[in-house]
């Protein structure tokens, strides 16, 4: 799915590079979803974690939850990237249509 987006992203980036600096403010659409980055468990770096089986097992569960949160984070970022590319392409399409003088633009 992402490989199909690469050409679209490139065309968006090229188009954005030609926009005057004052117009390059980030465009945040309504409903933008924040993707919370995963937080690495502190227990991994604590010496005490490895001195007792109970602490080690508890840390292992924390690490497993961390790994799952990394996958969820990645999925969230992919969804947001795809949404942003779609929205940008729709904006470019509408602009080009209206620039031609068409009144019935998407």
C-alpha atoms as a PDB file:
ATOM      1  CA  UNK A   1       0.000   0.000   0.000  1.00  0.00           C
ATOM      2  CA  UNK A   2       2.765   2.438   0.859  1.00  0.00           C
ATOM      3  CA  UNK A   3       4.628   1.792  -2.377  1.00  0.00           C
ATOM      4  CA  UNK A   4       1.609   3.121  -4.269  1.00  0.00           C
ATOM      5  CA  UNK A   5       1.776   6.295  -2.220  1.00  0.00           C
ATOM      6  CA  UNK A   6       5.415   7.081  -2.873  1.00  0.00           C
ATOM      7  CA  UNK A   7       4.832   8.683  -6.309  1.00  0.00           C
ATOM      8  CA  UNK A   8       1.924  10.668  -4.896  1.00  0.00           C
ATOM      9  CA  UNK A   9       4.029  11.824  -1.950  1.00  0.00           C
ATOM     10  CA  UNK A  10       6.824  12.848  -4.267  1.00  0.00           C
ATOM     11  CA  UNK A  11       4.505  14.930  -6.451  1.00  0.00           C
ATOM     12  CA  UNK A  12       3.054  16.562  -3.358  1.00  0.00           C
ATOM     13  CA  UNK A  13       6.515  17.378  -2.020  1.00  0.00           C
ATOM     14  CA  UNK A  14       7.612  18.806  -5.351  1.00  0.00           C
ATOM     15  CA  UNK A  15       4.461  20.916  -5.542  1.00  0.00           C
ATOM     16  CA  UNK A  16       4.905  22.117  -1.954  1.00  0.00           C
ATOM     17  CA  UNK A  17       8.476  23.197  -2.630  1.00  0.00           C
ATOM     18  CA  UNK A  18       7.245  25.758  -5.153  1.00  0.00           C
ATOM     19  CA  UNK A  19       4.742  27.362  -2.758  1.00  0.00           C
ATOM     20  CA  UNK A  20       5.740  30.698  -1.192  1.00  0.00           C
ATOM     21  CA  UNK A  21       7.066  30.396   2.378  1.00  0.00           C
ATOM     22  CA  UNK A  22       4.084  32.116   4.001  1.00  0.00           C
ATOM     23  CA  UNK A  23       1.747  29.471   2.548  1.00  0.00           C
ATOM     24  CA  UNK A  24       3.715  26.489   3.871  1.00  0.00           C
ATOM     25  CA  UNK A  25       1.992  26.306   7.230  1.00  0.00           C
ATOM     26  CA  UNK A  26       0.982  22.791   8.212  1.00  0.00           C
ATOM     27  CA  UNK A  27      -2.482  21.842   7.063  1.00  0.00           C
ATOM     28  CA  UNK A  28      -4.319  19.994   9.797  1.00  0.00           C
ATOM     29  CA  UNK A  29      -7.626  18.554   8.770  1.00  0.00           C
ATOM     30  CA  UNK A  30     -10.543  18.205  11.113  1.00  0.00           C
ATOM     31  CA  UNK A  31     -10.417  14.831  12.769  1.00  0.00           C
ATOM     32  CA  UNK A  32      -6.654  14.498  12.597  1.00  0.00           C
ATOM     33  CA  UNK A  33      -5.724  11.538  14.709  1.00  0.00           C
ATOM     34  CA  UNK A  34      -2.763  11.835  17.008  1.00  0.00           C
ATOM     35  CA  UNK A  35      -0.537   8.771  17.009  1.00  0.00           C
ATOM     36  CA  UNK A  36       0.981   8.426  20.460  1.00  0.00           C
ATOM     37  CA  UNK A  37       4.540   7.094  20.243  1.00  0.00           C
ATOM     38  CA  UNK A  38       5.241   4.000  22.322  1.00  0.00           C
ATOM     39  CA  UNK A  39       7.185   4.380  25.556  1.00  0.00           C
ATOM     40  CA  UNK A  40      10.002   1.943  26.154  1.00  0.00           C
ATOM     41  CA  UNK A  41       9.671   0.172  29.524  1.00  0.00           C
ATOM     42  CA  UNK A  42      12.130   1.470  32.129  1.00  0.00           C
ATOM     43  CA  UNK A  43      12.552  -1.990  33.583  1.00  0.00           C
ATOM     44  CA  UNK A  44      14.783  -2.962  30.647  1.00  0.00           C
ATOM     45  CA  UNK A  45      17.538  -0.665  31.931  1.00  0.00           C
ATOM     46  CA  UNK A  46      17.139  -1.343  35.643  1.00  0.00           C
ATOM     47  CA  UNK A  47      19.675  -3.718  37.206  1.00  0.00           C
ATOM     48  CA  UNK A  48      17.102  -4.950  39.731  1.00  0.00           C
ATOM     49  CA  UNK A  49      14.960  -6.367  36.914  1.00  0.00           C
ATOM     50  CA  UNK A  50      17.436  -9.156  36.262  1.00  0.00           C
ATOM     51  CA  UNK A  51      18.057 -10.172  39.881  1.00  0.00           C
ATOM     52  CA  UNK A  52      14.705 -11.858  40.492  1.00  0.00           C
ATOM     53  CA  UNK A  53      12.579 -14.067  38.258  1.00  0.00           C
ATOM     54  CA  UNK A  54       9.384 -12.251  39.249  1.00  0.00           C
ATOM     55  CA  UNK A  55      10.730  -8.861  38.228  1.00  0.00           C
ATOM     56  CA  UNK A  56      12.163 -10.287  35.026  1.00  0.00           C
ATOM     57  CA  UNK A  57       8.812 -11.899  34.148  1.00  0.00           C
ATOM     58  CA  UNK A  58       6.963  -8.665  34.873  1.00  0.00           C
ATOM     59  CA  UNK A  59       9.396  -6.776  32.668  1.00  0.00           C
ATOM     60  CA  UNK A  60       8.976  -9.330  29.906  1.00  0.00           C
ATOM     61  CA  UNK A  61       5.232  -8.634  29.954  1.00  0.00           C
ATOM     62  CA  UNK A  62       5.939  -4.903  29.792  1.00  0.00           C
ATOM     63  CA  UNK A  63       8.250  -5.476  26.824  1.00  0.00           C
ATOM     64  CA  UNK A  64       5.590  -7.574  25.075  1.00  0.00           C
ATOM     65  CA  UNK A  65       3.057  -4.770  25.580  1.00  0.00           C
ATOM     66  CA  UNK A  66       5.645  -2.310  24.269  1.00  0.00           C
ATOM     67  CA  UNK A  67       6.152  -4.373  21.105  1.00  0.00           C
ATOM     68  CA  UNK A  68       2.388  -4.462  20.543  1.00  0.00           C
ATOM     69  CA  UNK A  69       2.198  -0.701  21.021  1.00  0.00           C
ATOM     70  CA  UNK A  70       4.944  -0.246  18.416  1.00  0.00           C
ATOM     71  CA  UNK A  71       2.860  -2.177  15.884  1.00  0.00           C
ATOM     72  CA  UNK A  72      -0.228  -0.110  16.775  1.00  0.00           C
ATOM     73  CA  UNK A  73       1.808   3.100  16.456  1.00  0.00           C
ATOM     74  CA  UNK A  74       3.096   2.079  13.053  1.00  0.00           C
ATOM     75  CA  UNK A  75      -0.420   1.282  11.877  1.00  0.00           C
ATOM     76  CA  UNK A  76      -1.678   4.640  13.140  1.00  0.00           C
ATOM     77  CA  UNK A  77       1.124   6.493  11.330  1.00  0.00           C
ATOM     78  CA  UNK A  78       0.401   4.620   8.098  1.00  0.00           C
ATOM     79  CA  UNK A  79      -3.292   5.476   8.307  1.00  0.00           C
ATOM     80  CA  UNK A  80      -2.516   9.144   8.932  1.00  0.00           C
ATOM     81  CA  UNK A  81       0.053   9.255   6.147  1.00  0.00           C
ATOM     82  CA  UNK A  82      -2.427   7.770   3.685  1.00  0.00           C
ATOM     83  CA  UNK A  83      -5.106  10.222   4.826  1.00  0.00           C
ATOM     84  CA  UNK A  84      -2.761  13.179   4.467  1.00  0.00           C
ATOM     85  CA  UNK A  85      -1.686  12.114   0.966  1.00  0.00           C
ATOM     86  CA  UNK A  86      -5.305  11.562  -0.095  1.00  0.00           C
ATOM     87  CA  UNK A  87      -6.322  14.951   1.264  1.00  0.00           C
ATOM     88  CA  UNK A  88      -3.397  16.675  -0.405  1.00  0.00           C
ATOM     89  CA  UNK A  89      -4.112  15.019  -3.745  1.00  0.00           C
ATOM     90  CA  UNK A  90      -7.771  16.059  -3.461  1.00  0.00           C
ATOM     91  CA  UNK A  91      -6.658  19.633  -2.745  1.00  0.00           C
ATOM     92  CA  UNK A  92      -4.344  19.638  -5.775  1.00  0.00           C
ATOM     93  CA  UNK A  93      -7.055  18.158  -7.973  1.00  0.00           C
ATOM     94  CA  UNK A  94      -9.576  20.774  -6.861  1.00  0.00           C
ATOM     95  CA  UNK A  95      -7.090  23.607  -7.378  1.00  0.00           C
ATOM     96  CA  UNK A  96      -6.151  22.429 -10.871  1.00  0.00           C
ATOM     97  CA  UNK A  97      -9.807  22.013 -11.813  1.00  0.00           C
ATOM     98  CA  UNK A  98     -10.736  25.476 -10.552  1.00  0.00           C
ATOM     99  CA  UNK A  99      -7.620  27.018 -12.129  1.00  0.00           C
ATOM    100  CA  UNK A 100      -8.922  25.795 -15.503  1.00  0.00           C
ATOM    101  CA  UNK A 101     -12.124  27.731 -14.880  1.00  0.00           C
ATOM    102  CA  UNK A 102     -14.329  24.710 -14.196  1.00  0.00           C
ATOM    103  CA  UNK A 103     -17.173  25.370 -11.819  1.00  0.00           C
ATOM    104  CA  UNK A 104     -18.079  21.760 -11.068  1.00  0.00           C
ATOM    105  CA  UNK A 105     -14.974  20.560  -9.282  1.00  0.00           C
ATOM    106  CA  UNK A 106     -14.743  17.817  -6.691  1.00  0.00           C
END
